Each structure stands twice: as C-alpha cells, then as structure tokens.
C-alpha atoms as a PDB file:
ATOM      1  CA  MET A   1     125.884 131.462 107.554  1.00  0.00           C
ATOM      2  CA  GLU A   2     126.983 128.534 109.711  1.00  0.00           C
ATOM      3  CA  PRO A   3     123.443 127.315 110.615  1.00  0.00           C
ATOM      4  CA  ILE A   4     122.528 127.313 106.915  1.00  0.00           C
ATOM      5  CA  PHE A   5     125.484 125.116 106.000  1.00  0.00           C
ATOM      6  CA  ILE A   6     124.708 122.785 108.889  1.00  0.00           C
ATOM      7  CA  ALA A   7     121.079 122.593 107.811  1.00  0.00           C
ATOM      8  CA  LEU A   8     122.048 121.792 104.212  1.00  0.00           C
ATOM      9  CA  GLY A   9     124.471 119.122 105.355  1.00  0.00           C
ATOM     10  CA  VAL A  10     121.884 117.581 107.634  1.00  0.00           C
ATOM     11  CA  PHE A  11     119.326 117.681 104.820  1.00  0.00           C
ATOM     12  CA  LEU A  12     121.578 115.802 102.409  1.00  0.00           C
ATOM     13  CA  PHE A  13     122.368 113.216 105.065  1.00  0.00           C
ATOM     14  CA  VAL A  14     118.682 112.762 105.931  1.00  0.00           C
ATOM     15  CA  VAL A  15     117.676 112.489 102.257  1.00  0.00           C
ATOM     16  CA  PHE A  16     120.172 109.729 101.571  1.00  0.00           C
ATOM     17  CA  LEU A  17     119.373 107.987 104.857  1.00  0.00           C
ATOM     18  CA  ILE A  18     115.599 108.053 104.356  1.00  0.00           C
ATOM     19  CA  SER A  19     115.954 107.080 100.696  1.00  0.00           C
ATOM     20  CA  GLY A  20     118.161 104.137 101.596  1.00  0.00           C
ATOM     21  CA  ILE A  21     115.880 102.934 104.389  1.00  0.00           C
ATOM     22  CA  TYR A  22     112.753 103.381 102.256  1.00  0.00           C
ATOM     23  CA  TYR A  23     114.380 101.514  99.367  1.00  0.00           C
ATOM     24  CA  LEU A  24     115.461  98.605 101.544  1.00  0.00           C
ATOM     25  CA  VAL A  25     112.190  98.349 103.466  1.00  0.00           C
ATOM     26  CA  ARG A  26     109.558  99.152 100.836  1.00  0.00           C
ATOM     27  CA  ILE A  27     110.878  99.544  97.292  1.00  0.00           C
ATOM     28  CA  ALA A  28     113.225  96.545  97.036  1.00  0.00           C
ATOM     29  CA  PRO A  29     110.725  93.924  98.312  1.00  0.00           C
ATOM     30  CA  GLU A  30     107.950  95.493  96.244  1.00  0.00           C
ATOM     31  CA  ASN A  31     110.124  95.450  93.131  1.00  0.00           C
ATOM     32  CA  GLU A  32     110.888  91.778  93.651  1.00  0.00           C
ATOM     33  CA  LYS A  33     107.204  90.947  93.989  1.00  0.00           C
ATOM     34  CA  ARG A  34     106.403  93.081  90.964  1.00  0.00           C
ATOM     35  CA  LYS A  35     109.073  91.399  88.867  1.00  0.00           C
ATOM     36  CA  LYS A  36     107.705  87.975  89.725  1.00  0.00           C
ATOM     37  CA  ILE A  37     104.163  89.040  88.871  1.00  0.00           C
ATOM     38  CA  LYS A  38     105.276  90.654  85.609  1.00  0.00           C
ATOM     39  CA  SER A  39     107.295  87.585  84.679  1.00  0.00           C
ATOM     40  CA  ARG A  40     104.307  85.340  85.301  1.00  0.00           C
ATOM     41  CA  LEU A  41     101.921  87.619  83.408  1.00  0.00           C
ATOM     42  CA  MET A  42     104.341  87.929  80.507  1.00  0.00           C
ATOM     43  CA  GLU A  43     104.624  84.160  80.302  1.00  0.00           C
ATOM     44  CA  LEU A  44     100.843  83.956  80.063  1.00  0.00           C
ATOM     45  CA  SER A  45     100.686  86.647  77.397  1.00  0.00           C
ATOM     46  CA  GLY A  46     103.694  85.410  75.402  1.00  0.00           C
ATOM     47  CA  ALA A  47     105.672  88.661  75.717  1.00  0.00           C
ATOM     48  CA  SER A  48     109.013  89.412  77.339  1.00  0.00           C
ATOM     49  CA  VAL A  49     109.590  91.611  80.373  1.00  0.00           C
ATOM     50  CA  THR A  50     112.350  93.521  78.597  1.00  0.00           C
ATOM     51  CA  GLU A  51     110.091  94.594  75.743  1.00  0.00           C
ATOM     52  CA  ALA A  52     107.364  95.723  78.128  1.00  0.00           C
ATOM     53  CA  THR A  53     109.794  97.735  80.239  1.00  0.00           C
ATOM     54  CA  LYS A  54     111.136  99.577  77.196  1.00  0.00           C
ATOM     55  CA  GLU A  55     107.626 100.363  76.059  1.00  0.00           C
ATOM     56  CA  ILE A  56     106.672 101.755  79.453  1.00  0.00           C
ATOM     57  CA  ASP A  57     109.823 103.894  79.582  1.00  0.00           C
ATOM     58  CA  LEU A  58     109.107 105.416  76.171  1.00  0.00           C
ATOM     59  CA  ILE A  59     105.565 106.317  77.133  1.00  0.00           C
ATOM     60  CA  LYS A  60     106.263 107.700  80.587  1.00  0.00           C
ATOM     61  CA  SER A  61     109.337 109.825  79.952  1.00  0.00           C
ATOM     62  CA  GLU A  62     108.722 113.210  81.596  1.00  0.00           C
ATOM     63  CA  GLN A  63     110.464 116.170  83.146  1.00  0.00           C
ATOM     64  CA  ILE A  64     111.309 115.855  86.832  1.00  0.00           C
ATOM     65  CA  SER A  65     112.009 119.537  87.482  1.00  0.00           C
ATOM     66  CA  ALA A  66     111.387 122.800  85.646  1.00  0.00           C
ATOM     67  CA  ILE A  67     114.982 123.853  86.431  1.00  0.00           C
ATOM     68  CA  PRO A  68     117.224 122.283  83.749  1.00  0.00           C
ATOM     69  CA  ILE A  69     120.279 121.826  85.988  1.00  0.00           C
ATOM     70  CA  LEU A  70     118.215 120.291  88.785  1.00  0.00           C
ATOM     71  CA  ASP A  71     116.357 118.088  86.309  1.00  0.00           C
ATOM     72  CA  LYS A  72     119.614 116.802  84.831  1.00  0.00           C
ATOM     73  CA  THR A  73     121.017 116.107  88.295  1.00  0.00           C
ATOM     74  CA  LEU A  74     117.928 114.345  89.639  1.00  0.00           C
ATOM     75  CA  THR A  75     117.591 112.050  86.632  1.00  0.00           C
ATOM     76  CA  LYS A  76     120.914 110.447  87.599  1.00  0.00           C
ATOM     77  CA  PHE A  77     119.406 108.984  90.785  1.00  0.00           C
ATOM     78  CA  SER A  78     117.103 105.986  90.583  1.00  0.00           C
ATOM     79  CA  GLN A  79     115.352 107.042  93.803  1.00  0.00           C
ATOM     80  CA  THR A  80     114.071 110.162  92.014  1.00  0.00           C
ATOM     81  CA  GLY A  81     111.931 107.996  89.755  1.00  0.00           C
ATOM     82  CA  GLN A  82     110.467 106.241  92.789  1.00  0.00           C
ATOM     83  CA  LEU A  83     109.727 109.605  94.388  1.00  0.00           C
ATOM     84  CA  GLN A  84     108.069 110.841  91.207  1.00  0.00           C
ATOM     85  CA  LYS A  85     105.955 107.676  91.066  1.00  0.00           C
ATOM     86  CA  LEU A  86     104.949 108.180  94.697  1.00  0.00           C
ATOM     87  CA  ILE A  87     103.790 111.726  93.908  1.00  0.00           C
ATOM     88  CA  GLN A  88     101.839 110.535  90.866  1.00  0.00           C
ATOM     89  CA  GLN A  89     100.144 107.800  92.885  1.00  0.00           C
ATOM     90  CA  ALA A  90      98.985 110.481  95.335  1.00  0.00           C
ATOM     91  CA  ASP A  91      97.507 112.341  92.311  1.00  0.00           C
ATOM     92  CA  ILE A  92      99.279 115.594  93.181  1.00  0.00           C
ATOM     93  CA  LYS A  93     100.247 118.083  90.490  1.00  0.00           C
ATOM     94  CA  LEU A  94     103.822 118.319  91.692  1.00  0.00           C
ATOM     95  CA  ASN A  95     107.152 117.088  90.370  1.00  0.00           C
ATOM     96  CA  ALA A  96     110.035 115.567  92.291  1.00  0.00           C
ATOM     97  CA  GLY A  97     112.204 118.677  91.943  1.00  0.00           C
ATOM     98  CA  THR A  98     109.596 120.932  93.530  1.00  0.00           C
ATOM     99  CA  PHE A  99     109.024 118.403  96.296  1.00  0.00           C
ATOM    100  CA  ILE A 100     112.731 118.291  97.138  1.00  0.00           C
ATOM    101  CA  LEU A 101     112.888 122.090  97.247  1.00  0.00           C
ATOM    102  CA  LEU A 102     109.884 122.169  99.591  1.00  0.00           C
ATOM    103  CA  THR A 103     111.590 119.606 101.801  1.00  0.00           C
ATOM    104  CA  MET A 104     114.757 121.724 101.938  1.00  0.00           C
ATOM    105  CA  VAL A 105     112.750 124.806 102.881  1.00  0.00           C
ATOM    106  CA  ALA A 106     110.915 122.863 105.612  1.00  0.00           C
ATOM    107  CA  LEU A 107     114.210 121.516 106.957  1.00  0.00           C
ATOM    108  CA  ALA A 108     115.821 124.951 107.132  1.00  0.00           C
ATOM    109  CA  LEU A 109     112.685 126.484 108.660  1.00  0.00           C
ATOM    110  CA  GLY A 110     112.408 123.816 111.366  1.00  0.00           C
ATOM    111  CA  TYR A 111     116.094 124.100 112.200  1.00  0.00           C
ATOM    112  CA  PHE A 112     115.925 127.910 112.350  1.00  0.00           C
ATOM    113  CA  LEU A 113     112.783 128.070 114.514  1.00  0.00           C
ATOM    114  CA  CYS A 114     114.144 125.513 116.962  1.00  0.00           C
ATOM    115  CA  SER A 115     117.459 127.374 117.188  1.00  0.00           C
ATOM    116  CA  LEU A 116     115.600 130.486 118.343  1.00  0.00           C
ATOM    117  CA  PHE A 117     114.381 128.728 121.490  1.00  0.00           C
ATOM    118  CA  VAL A 118     116.824 125.868 122.144  1.00  0.00           C
ATOM    119  CA  LYS A 119     120.573 126.164 121.631  1.00  0.00           C
ATOM    120  CA  PHE A 120     121.233 122.455 121.281  1.00  0.00           C
ATOM    121  CA  ILE A 121     122.357 120.915 118.004  1.00  0.00           C
ATOM    122  CA  ALA A 122     120.649 117.543 118.542  1.00  0.00           C
ATOM    123  CA  LEU A 123     117.220 119.085 119.088  1.00  0.00           C
ATOM    124  CA  GLU A 124     117.754 121.527 116.226  1.00  0.00           C
ATOM    125  CA  VAL A 125     118.607 118.682 113.869  1.00  0.00           C
ATOM    126  CA  LEU A 126     115.657 116.638 115.135  1.00  0.00           C
ATOM    127  CA  ALA A 127     113.311 119.588 114.599  1.00  0.00           C
ATOM    128  CA  GLY A 128     114.664 120.065 111.081  1.00  0.00           C
ATOM    129  CA  ILE A 129     114.193 116.388 110.270  1.00  0.00           C
ATOM    130  CA  GLY A 130     110.662 116.483 111.671  1.00  0.00           C
ATOM    131  CA  CYS A 131     109.684 119.477 109.547  1.00  0.00           C
ATOM    132  CA  ALA A 132     111.407 118.009 106.479  1.00  0.00           C
ATOM    133  CA  SER A 133     109.389 114.795 106.821  1.00  0.00           C
ATOM    134  CA  ILE A 134     106.048 116.637 106.774  1.00  0.00           C
ATOM    135  CA  PRO A 135     105.794 116.904 102.928  1.00  0.00           C
ATOM    136  CA  LEU A 136     106.616 113.210 102.550  1.00  0.00           C
ATOM    137  CA  LEU A 137     104.086 112.223 105.228  1.00  0.00           C
ATOM    138  CA  VAL A 138     101.400 114.317 103.514  1.00  0.00           C
ATOM    139  CA  ILE A 139     102.070 112.618 100.169  1.00  0.00           C
ATOM    140  CA  ILE A 140     102.013 109.160 101.752  1.00  0.00           C
ATOM    141  CA  PHE A 141      98.736 110.009 103.514  1.00  0.00           C
ATOM    142  CA  LEU A 142      97.107 111.213 100.269  1.00  0.00           C
ATOM    143  CA  ARG A 143      98.442 108.176  98.394  1.00  0.00           C
ATOM    144  CA  ASN A 144      97.080 105.718 100.956  1.00  0.00           C
ATOM    145  CA  ARG A 145      93.721 107.504 101.067  1.00  0.00           C
ATOM    146  CA  ARG A 146      93.473 107.346  97.280  1.00  0.00           C
ATOM    147  CA  PHE A 147      94.387 103.645  97.272  1.00  0.00           C
ATOM    148  CA  HIS A 148      91.765 102.951  99.948  1.00  0.00           C
ATOM    149  CA  LYS A 149      89.080 104.759  97.960  1.00  0.00           C
ATOM    150  CA  PHE A 150      90.043 102.824  94.821  1.00  0.00           C
ATOM    151  CA  GLU A 151      89.790  99.520  96.709  1.00  0.00           C
ATOM    152  CA  SER A 152      86.384 100.416  98.155  1.00  0.00           C
ATOM    153  CA  LEU A 153      84.986 101.265  94.707  1.00  0.00           C
ATOM    154  CA  PHE A 154      86.630  98.403  92.837  1.00  0.00           C
ATOM    155  CA  PRO A 155      83.945  95.723  93.549  1.00  0.00           C
ATOM    156  CA  GLU A 156      81.260  98.071  92.175  1.00  0.00           C
ATOM    157  CA  ALA A 157      83.377  98.643  89.068  1.00  0.00           C
ATOM    158  CA  LEU A 158      83.707  94.876  88.595  1.00  0.00           C
ATOM    159  CA  ASP A 159      79.933  94.479  88.940  1.00  0.00           C
ATOM    160  CA  LEU A 160      79.398  97.184  86.317  1.00  0.00           C
ATOM    161  CA  LEU A 161      81.870  95.497  83.972  1.00  0.00           C
ATOM    162  CA  THR A 162      80.184  92.129  84.561  1.00  0.00           C
ATOM    163  CA  ARG A 163      76.753  93.531  83.704  1.00  0.00           C
ATOM    164  CA  ALA A 164      78.127  95.123  80.549  1.00  0.00           C
ATOM    165  CA  ILE A 165      79.662  91.836  79.395  1.00  0.00           C
ATOM    166  CA  LYS A 166      76.472  89.900  80.169  1.00  0.00           C
ATOM    167  CA  ALA A 167      74.525  92.453  78.113  1.00  0.00           C
ATOM    168  CA  GLY A 168      76.723  91.624  75.119  1.00  0.00           C
ATOM    169  CA  HIS A 169      79.155  94.547  75.180  1.00  0.00           C
ATOM    170  CA  ALA A 170      82.862  94.130  74.484  1.00  0.00           C
ATOM    171  CA  PHE A 171      85.434  94.345  77.275  1.00  0.00           C
ATOM    172  CA  ASN A 172      86.667  97.762  76.085  1.00  0.00           C
ATOM    173  CA  THR A 173      83.107  99.091  76.111  1.00  0.00           C
ATOM    174  CA  GLY A 174      82.719  97.957  79.723  1.00  0.00           C
ATOM    175  CA  VAL A 175      85.969  99.721  80.612  1.00  0.00           C
ATOM    176  CA  GLU A 176      84.667 102.906  78.994  1.00  0.00           C
ATOM    177  CA  MET A 177      81.433 102.638  81.007  1.00  0.00           C
ATOM    178  CA  ILE A 178      83.460 102.410  84.225  1.00  0.00           C
ATOM    179  CA  ALA A 179      85.479 105.464  83.187  1.00  0.00           C
ATOM    180  CA  GLN A 180      82.307 107.469  82.510  1.00  0.00           C
ATOM    181  CA  GLU A 181      80.081 106.396  85.405  1.00  0.00           C
ATOM    182  CA  MET A 182      82.434 105.677  88.322  1.00  0.00           C
ATOM    183  CA  PRO A 183      83.919 108.506  90.451  1.00  0.00           C
ATOM    184  CA  ASN A 184      87.617 109.183  90.845  1.00  0.00           C
ATOM    185  CA  PRO A 185      90.102 107.661  91.357  1.00  0.00           C
ATOM    186  CA  ILE A 186      88.742 104.493  89.749  1.00  0.00           C
ATOM    187  CA  GLY A 187      87.062 106.355  86.892  1.00  0.00           C
ATOM    188  CA  LYS A 188      90.238 108.260  86.105  1.00  0.00           C
ATOM    189  CA  GLU A 189      92.440 105.154  86.113  1.00  0.00           C
ATOM    190  CA  PHE A 190      90.119 103.207  83.824  1.00  0.00           C
ATOM    191  CA  ARG A 191      89.865 106.255  81.568  1.00  0.00           C
ATOM    192  CA  ILE A 192      93.653 106.300  81.210  1.00  0.00           C
ATOM    193  CA  MET A 193      93.664 102.575  80.418  1.00  0.00           C
ATOM    194  CA  PHE A 194      90.883 103.015  77.863  1.00  0.00           C
ATOM    195  CA  ASP A 195      92.664 105.932  76.183  1.00  0.00           C
ATOM    196  CA  GLU A 196      95.943 104.006  76.040  1.00  0.00           C
ATOM    197  CA  GLN A 197      94.199 101.190  74.179  1.00  0.00           C
ATOM    198  CA  ASN A 198      92.616 103.669  71.773  1.00  0.00           C
ATOM    199  CA  TYR A 199      96.058 105.095  71.081  1.00  0.00           C
ATOM    200  CA  GLY A 200      97.237 101.636  70.017  1.00  0.00           C
ATOM    201  CA  LEU A 201      98.757 100.220  73.212  1.00  0.00           C
ATOM    202  CA  PRO A 202      98.089  96.471  73.686  1.00  0.00           C
ATOM    203  CA  LEU A 203      95.661  95.489  76.416  1.00  0.00           C
ATOM    204  CA  LYS A 204      98.293  93.698  78.487  1.00  0.00           C
ATOM    205  CA  GLN A 205     100.521  96.775  78.429  1.00  0.00           C
ATOM    206  CA  ALA A 206      97.666  99.076  79.427  1.00  0.00           C
ATOM    207  CA  LEU A 207      96.882  96.753  82.340  1.00  0.00           C
ATOM    208  CA  PHE A 208     100.534  96.740  83.411  1.00  0.00           C
ATOM    209  CA  ASN A 209     100.606 100.537  83.301  1.00  0.00           C
ATOM    210  CA  MET A 210      97.555 100.713  85.563  1.00  0.00           C
ATOM    211  CA  LEU A 211      99.312  98.319  87.949  1.00  0.00           C
ATOM    212  CA  GLU A 212     102.290 100.673  88.000  1.00  0.00           C
ATOM    213  CA  ARG A 213     100.002 103.539  88.985  1.00  0.00           C
ATOM    214  CA  MET A 214      97.896 101.519  91.449  1.00  0.00           C
ATOM    215  CA  PRO A 215      99.953  98.603  92.872  1.00  0.00           C
ATOM    216  CA  LEU A 216      97.046  97.009  94.754  1.00  0.00           C
ATOM    217  CA  LEU A 217      96.498  93.327  95.447  1.00  0.00           C
ATOM    218  CA  ASP A 218      92.898  93.323  94.190  1.00  0.00           C
ATOM    219  CA  LEU A 219      93.933  94.976  90.938  1.00  0.00           C
ATOM    220  CA  LYS A 220      96.675  92.364  90.479  1.00  0.00           C
ATOM    221  CA  PHE A 221      94.008  89.664  90.774  1.00  0.00           C
ATOM    222  CA  PHE A 222      91.970  91.489  88.140  1.00  0.00           C
ATOM    223  CA  VAL A 223      94.866  91.805  85.700  1.00  0.00           C
ATOM    224  CA  THR A 224      95.824  88.153  86.155  1.00  0.00           C
ATOM    225  CA  ALA A 225      92.227  87.033  85.579  1.00  0.00           C
ATOM    226  CA  ILE A 226      91.854  89.131  82.422  1.00  0.00           C
ATOM    227  CA  LEU A 227      95.114  87.929  80.881  1.00  0.00           C
ATOM    228  CA  MET A 228      94.456  84.297  81.727  1.00  0.00           C
ATOM    229  CA  GLN A 229      90.973  84.538  80.216  1.00  0.00           C
ATOM    230  CA  LYS A 230      92.394  86.104  77.044  1.00  0.00           C
ATOM    231  CA  GLU A 231      94.955  83.287  76.817  1.00  0.00           C
ATOM    232  CA  THR A 232      92.911  80.245  77.785  1.00  0.00           C
ATOM    233  CA  GLY A 233      89.311  81.396  77.289  1.00  0.00           C
ATOM    234  CA  GLY A 234      86.390  80.955  79.647  1.00  0.00           C
ATOM    235  CA  ASN A 235      83.399  82.838  80.973  1.00  0.00           C
ATOM    236  CA  LEU A 236      84.750  86.299  81.759  1.00  0.00           C
ATOM    237  CA  ALA A 237      81.533  87.446  83.432  1.00  0.00           C
ATOM    238  CA  GLU A 238      81.646  84.517  85.859  1.00  0.00           C
ATOM    239  CA  ILE A 239      85.343  85.142  86.593  1.00  0.00           C
ATOM    240  CA  LEU A 240      84.673  88.803  87.405  1.00  0.00           C
ATOM    241  CA  THR A 241      81.684  87.885  89.585  1.00  0.00           C
ATOM    242  CA  ASN A 242      83.813  85.480  91.626  1.00  0.00           C
ATOM    243  CA  LEU A 243      86.567  88.085  91.909  1.00  0.00           C
ATOM    244  CA  SER A 244      84.108  90.714  93.155  1.00  0.00           C
ATOM    245  CA  HIS A 245      82.793  88.266  95.752  1.00  0.00           C
ATOM    246  CA  LEU A 246      86.369  87.458  96.850  1.00  0.00           C
ATOM    247  CA  ILE A 247      87.225  91.138  97.297  1.00  0.00           C
ATOM    248  CA  ARG A 248      84.096  91.798  99.358  1.00  0.00           C
ATOM    249  CA  GLU A 249      84.848  88.828 101.599  1.00  0.00           C
ATOM    250  CA  ARG A 250      88.361  90.157 102.106  1.00  0.00           C
ATOM    251  CA  PHE A 251      86.886  93.506 103.143  1.00  0.00           C
ATOM    252  CA  LYS A 252      84.766  91.723 105.746  1.00  0.00           C
ATOM    253  CA  ILE A 253      87.827  90.003 107.197  1.00  0.00           C
ATOM    254  CA  GLN A 254      89.712  93.310 107.270  1.00  0.00           C
ATOM    255  CA  GLY A 255      86.810  94.916 109.147  1.00  0.00           C
ATOM    256  CA  GLU A 256      86.865  92.140 111.754  1.00  0.00           C
ATOM    257  CA  ILE A 257      90.627  92.520 112.154  1.00  0.00           C
ATOM    258  CA  ARG A 258      90.279  96.280 112.654  1.00  0.00           C
ATOM    259  CA  THR A 259      87.649  95.607 115.312  1.00  0.00           C
ATOM    260  CA  TYR A 260      89.895  93.171 117.178  1.00  0.00           C
ATOM    261  CA  SER A 261      92.937  95.460 116.913  1.00  0.00           C
ATOM    262  CA  ALA A 262      91.079  98.656 117.915  1.00  0.00           C
ATOM    263  CA  GLN A 263      92.317  98.411 121.500  1.00  0.00           C
ATOM    264  CA  GLY A 264      95.933  98.152 120.351  1.00  0.00           C
ATOM    265  CA  ARG A 265      95.585 101.188 118.081  1.00  0.00           C
ATOM    266  CA  LEU A 266      93.942 103.198 120.848  1.00  0.00           C
ATOM    267  CA  THR A 267      96.745 102.170 123.205  1.00  0.00           C
ATOM    268  CA  GLY A 268      99.292 103.485 120.730  1.00  0.00           C
ATOM    269  CA  TYR A 269      97.517 106.832 120.462  1.00  0.00           C
ATOM    270  CA  ILE A 270      97.233 107.178 124.238  1.00  0.00           C
ATOM    271  CA  LEU A 271     100.858 106.219 124.923  1.00  0.00           C
ATOM    272  CA  THR A 272     101.969 108.749 122.329  1.00  0.00           C
ATOM    273  CA  ALA A 273      99.768 111.568 123.618  1.00  0.00           C
ATOM    274  CA  VAL A 274     100.237 111.118 127.384  1.00  0.00           C
ATOM    275  CA  PRO A 275     103.919 112.255 127.595  1.00  0.00           C
ATOM    276  CA  LEU A 276     103.186 115.332 125.471  1.00  0.00           C
ATOM    277  CA  GLY A 277     100.087 116.131 127.510  1.00  0.00           C
ATOM    278  CA  MET A 278     101.921 115.730 130.797  1.00  0.00           C
ATOM    279  CA  LEU A 279     104.734 117.967 129.559  1.00  0.00           C
ATOM    280  CA  LEU A 280     102.216 120.669 128.646  1.00  0.00           C
ATOM    281  CA  VAL A 281     100.312 120.366 131.938  1.00  0.00           C
ATOM    282  CA  ILE A 282     103.436 120.484 134.103  1.00  0.00           C
ATOM    283  CA  SER A 283     104.716 123.468 132.100  1.00  0.00           C
ATOM    284  CA  LEU A 284     101.530 125.369 132.849  1.00  0.00           C
ATOM    285  CA  LEU A 285     101.331 124.381 136.518  1.00  0.00           C
ATOM    286  CA  ASN A 286     104.990 124.636 137.538  1.00  0.00           C
ATOM    287  CA  TRP A 287     107.305 126.092 134.911  1.00  0.00           C
ATOM    288  CA  ASN A 288     110.323 126.179 137.218  1.00  0.00           C
ATOM    289  CA  TYR A 289     110.057 122.421 137.679  1.00  0.00           C
ATOM    290  CA  ILE A 290     110.166 121.681 133.927  1.00  0.00           C
ATOM    291  CA  LYS A 291     112.507 124.559 133.017  1.00  0.00           C
ATOM    292  CA  PRO A 292     115.792 122.545 133.266  1.00  0.00           C
ATOM    293  CA  LEU A 293     114.653 120.360 130.359  1.00  0.00           C
ATOM    294  CA  PHE A 294     114.817 123.349 128.014  1.00  0.00           C
ATOM    295  CA  PHE A 295     117.747 125.323 129.400  1.00  0.00           C
ATOM    296  CA  THR A 296     120.314 122.714 130.458  1.00  0.00           C
ATOM    297  CA  GLU A 297     122.455 120.387 128.371  1.00  0.00           C
ATOM    298  CA  ALA A 298     121.275 117.297 130.239  1.00  0.00           C
ATOM    299  CA  GLY A 299     117.657 118.372 129.668  1.00  0.00           C
ATOM    300  CA  HIS A 300     118.309 118.730 125.966  1.00  0.00           C
ATOM    301  CA  TYR A 301     119.660 115.186 125.797  1.00  0.00           C
ATOM    302  CA  LEU A 302     116.597 113.933 127.652  1.00  0.00           C
ATOM    303  CA  LEU A 303     114.232 115.760 125.298  1.00  0.00           C
ATOM    304  CA  ALA A 304     115.994 114.373 122.226  1.00  0.00           C
ATOM    305  CA  ALA A 305     115.978 110.832 123.653  1.00  0.00           C
ATOM    306  CA  GLY A 306     112.312 111.152 124.647  1.00  0.00           C
ATOM    307  CA  ALA A 307     111.240 112.383 121.218  1.00  0.00           C
ATOM    308  CA  LEU A 308     113.168 109.591 119.496  1.00  0.00           C
ATOM    309  CA  GLY A 309     111.697 107.012 121.872  1.00  0.00           C
ATOM    310  CA  GLN A 310     108.173 108.294 121.208  1.00  0.00           C
ATOM    311  CA  ILE A 311     108.624 107.960 117.461  1.00  0.00           C
ATOM    312  CA  VAL A 312     110.148 104.475 117.655  1.00  0.00           C
ATOM    313  CA  GLY A 313     107.485 103.278 120.101  1.00  0.00           C
ATOM    314  CA  TYR A 314     104.627 104.538 117.956  1.00  0.00           C
ATOM    315  CA  ILE A 315     106.080 102.890 114.843  1.00  0.00           C
ATOM    316  CA  CYS A 316     106.486  99.575 116.689  1.00  0.00           C
ATOM    317  CA  ILE A 317     102.886  99.635 117.934  1.00  0.00           C
ATOM    318  CA  ARG A 318     101.612 100.463 114.442  1.00  0.00           C
ATOM    319  CA  LYS A 319     103.561  97.539 112.995  1.00  0.00           C
ATOM    320  CA  ILE A 320     102.078  95.176 115.562  1.00  0.00           C
ATOM    321  CA  VAL A 321      98.428  96.182 115.082  1.00  0.00           C
ATOM    322  CA  ASN A 322      98.631  96.650 111.291  1.00  0.00           C
ATOM    323  CA  ILE A 323      97.750  93.117 110.200  1.00  0.00           C
ATOM    324  CA  LYS A 324      97.738  92.499 106.452  1.00  0.00           C
ATOM    325  CA  ILE A 325      95.799  89.751 104.727  1.00  0.00           C
END
C-alpha cells in the first residue's frame, strides 16, 4: 500500500504545481489581455463587461464530472474551469473529472512500472510525472492542431462572407453559408455562433463566445472589425477584404520565420535524441559499462539529473526558435 499512497501524494503535488505554473505563465497573462480586449469591445458596443460575463456563465453552465461528489469538489477550484475550457477547445468529448482520473491512473501506472525495474524514488516519481503529463500533452497537441486548422481556413471563410455581402445578403446569412460550406473546425464554430443568434443572443455576445472557444489573434481582429462597423458604419465588404489580405500576409511572414528558424528546431531535435540514442547503443554494445547507471544510487541520481536537463534544454530551445508575430 505504501507505493500507492506515495503515488497519490506525488500526484496531488504535481497537479497543484503544474496548475500554478500554467496559471502564472499562460492563464494569467491571457486573462489580462482578454479583459482589456473585452473592455475595449464593450465600450464600442455600449455594454458592460459584468453583464456579458453573467450572460456567458448562465449559458455555459455544465457538469464537470458524472460523479456527484467529484463534480461538487472540482467546481470549487477555478483551475477546473480552465481545464474544462482547454478540453473543449481541443474538441474532445471528455470532461475535466474524467481527465483527472485518467491522469491519476497514468501517474500510478508510470510509478508502478518504473518501480519494477529501478528502486529509486526520484526516478519513480519522475516516471510517474512523465506518464501523468501524457494526457495533458495530447490535449494541448489536439488543441493547437485545431487552432492551426482554423487559422488556415479563416481567410477563405472571410472571402466567402465578403462575396455574400457583396451579393446583397445579410451578415447572418453569410455566417450561415460559412457554417454550411466550410469544413470543421471553422464550420462548426460559425454554426454555433449562428445558432446562438437564432436563439436570441445578441451578435456581440455570440462573437465573444466564439472568442472564448477560439482565442486567436485573427479572430480578435475579425470581432473588433465587425463591432466597430456595427457602431460606426462603413463598407463591411471592404473591411473584410483588407482583413483577409492582412491575415494572408501574416501567414507569409510566419512561413519565412519558420524557414529561418528550421536549423534551430532541427538542432533541438538532434540534441534531444542524441543522448537517448547513445544510451541505447552503449546498452546494446556493452551492457556492463552502462549497468551502474541503473543499479547504483549514484547512477540513479545521474539518470534523474540527465532526464531533467533534457527536458529543460528542449523547452529552452523551443522558446528561442518559437517566434511569434
């Protein structure tokens, strides 16, 4: 029973640690930016942020877990809502409670499997943390892939909306055409926005809800342009044409940046793979030479330090070559 209690304790510590780091690094700055954007958009539309927030909360109230006790417990933590939003943005039919249970199972499984081969608490904990992070990494990967696909299709959606407006159709009709003719995820998101308007939600609130689901820079430009045009007037077709051109030019710059930073990304992959490859090769050629790493206390410390250094080094290289515009 002792390994189970250790694994549960480590899991709780890792959950709070990762949640705190993620909140400080990603959620808090993003919330500040979002508040500023909402404040500016609300000023343009003549509504208050407080009223909009209440309206969103009433619409989006949902169950976090099918287990009543777990659902009641998770709703007390603000990070649970952020986790649920992350899962929804990845378009996965999963709730936060199920995700946390999967993470606990992965943590216990990684800890148990590592303990069968290495009797060293640091490596066992590191293996548990690594396995526990797999579900989160999968969700982040699916979320980023969905965002990238939305961004790549967005200029075409703007062109379709522009043609509909030039042909004399209303804005809502153009949105419906995007929902019917464009593939997912952009078709699905515009379908949700169109349905929300049909159910009586104001246009500005439907746009804000889509921003909550897809917090992308290009979509923020689109929402700002639509609300400003509704407030001050102007040629909406021309505004959307200029916005589509701006987004395509930004894609060109991003492609050039990826070309210039390709060597740095390849360097990161090679530096990450070489130590693991050398460890495998030496293990196959001369096991007695590498054996002390796995069966001595000093070797365990070296393995733990090496794994941690590999992770930190890869993250640093990714931060350097990941240039945002």
